[in-house]
Protein backbone atom coordinates (compact mmCIF):
# COMPACT_ATOMS: atom_id res chain seq x y z
CA MET A 1 92.27 67.47 71.12
CA LEU A 2 95.90 68.36 72.05
CA ALA A 3 97.82 65.92 74.13
CA LEU A 4 100.57 67.24 76.34
CA ASP A 5 103.79 65.50 75.81
CA VAL A 6 105.55 66.02 79.15
CA THR A 7 108.98 64.36 79.33
CA ALA A 8 110.55 63.16 82.56
CA PRO A 9 112.98 66.06 82.75
CA GLY A 10 110.29 68.64 82.07
CA LEU A 11 108.21 67.14 84.86
CA VAL A 12 111.07 67.20 87.24
CA ALA A 13 111.74 70.89 86.44
CA LEU A 14 108.05 71.76 86.84
CA SER A 15 107.98 69.92 90.14
CA ALA A 16 111.15 71.87 91.32
CA VAL A 17 109.59 75.19 90.40
CA VAL A 18 106.28 74.46 92.21
CA THR A 19 108.17 73.19 95.22
CA ALA A 20 110.38 76.19 95.42
CA LEU A 21 107.38 78.49 95.05
CA ALA A 22 105.50 76.67 97.90
CA ILE A 23 108.61 77.02 100.16
CA TRP A 24 108.90 80.70 99.34
CA LEU A 25 105.16 81.21 100.23
CA ILE A 26 105.56 79.41 103.55
CA ILE A 27 108.60 81.51 104.52
CA ALA A 28 106.91 84.75 103.50
CA ALA A 29 103.86 83.89 105.53
CA ALA A 30 106.00 82.96 108.61
CA ARG A 31 107.84 86.34 108.44
CA LEU A 32 104.71 88.25 108.18
CA THR A 33 103.26 86.63 111.23
CA ARG A 34 106.33 87.34 113.40
CA ARG A 35 106.25 91.01 112.56
CA PRO A 36 102.87 92.56 113.32
CA ARG A 37 102.51 95.90 111.38
CA ASN A 38 100.46 97.87 113.80
CA ARG A 39 102.55 97.20 116.88
CA PRO A 40 101.90 99.74 119.66
CA GLY A 41 104.86 101.73 121.08
CA ILE A 42 106.53 100.92 124.33
CA ARG A 43 104.75 102.59 127.24
CA VAL A 44 106.55 104.89 129.62
CA GLU A 45 105.31 102.77 132.55
CA LEU A 46 106.94 99.77 131.12
CA VAL A 47 110.26 101.54 130.73
CA ASP A 48 110.08 102.69 134.37
CA GLN A 49 109.29 99.11 135.55
CA VAL A 50 112.18 97.72 133.52
CA ARG A 51 114.52 100.36 134.91
CA GLU A 52 113.49 99.41 138.49
CA LEU A 53 114.09 95.77 137.94
CA LYS A 54 117.40 96.43 136.28
CA ALA A 55 118.51 98.61 139.17
CA LEU A 56 117.57 95.69 141.50
CA GLY A 57 119.73 93.39 139.51
CA GLN A 58 116.75 91.39 138.11
CA ILE A 59 117.71 91.50 134.44
CA GLN A 60 116.05 88.13 133.55
CA GLU A 61 112.75 89.41 135.08
CA ALA A 62 113.02 92.62 133.23
CA VAL A 63 113.54 90.75 129.86
CA PHE A 64 110.64 88.54 130.65
CA LEU A 65 108.41 91.55 131.36
CA VAL A 66 109.45 93.27 128.17
CA ARG A 67 108.76 90.05 126.22
CA GLY A 68 105.31 89.66 127.74
CA GLU A 69 104.29 93.20 127.16
CA THR A 70 105.69 93.78 123.65
CA GLY A 71 105.96 90.45 122.09
CA MET A 72 109.69 91.01 121.40
CA SER A 73 112.02 88.13 120.87
CA GLN A 74 114.41 87.07 123.63
CA HIS A 75 117.38 88.71 121.84
CA ALA A 76 115.49 92.03 121.12
CA ALA A 77 114.14 92.27 124.69
CA ALA A 78 117.54 91.58 126.18
CA ARG A 79 119.09 94.32 123.91
CA PHE A 80 116.34 96.67 124.97
CA VAL A 81 116.87 96.07 128.73
CA ASN A 82 120.77 96.35 128.35
CA ARG A 83 120.44 99.71 126.59
CA LEU A 84 118.35 101.30 129.31
């Protein structure tokens, strides 16, 4: 039977590679959950509601509405509202 002769530096290097791979997998999984692939488009009714809120000066409410309806981040929703 063969015995594996693993030295301390080899064990440290193997541990570093396994740790880096685990961290990469966690980051990849987190990114995939934040960006759903089959995201529906923005409805025309939502755009109309946001324009009304913006015209009334209720920018934060418009951003909140966009976030709730689309799942956008705060930054993306604010950019969307400001560009209308």
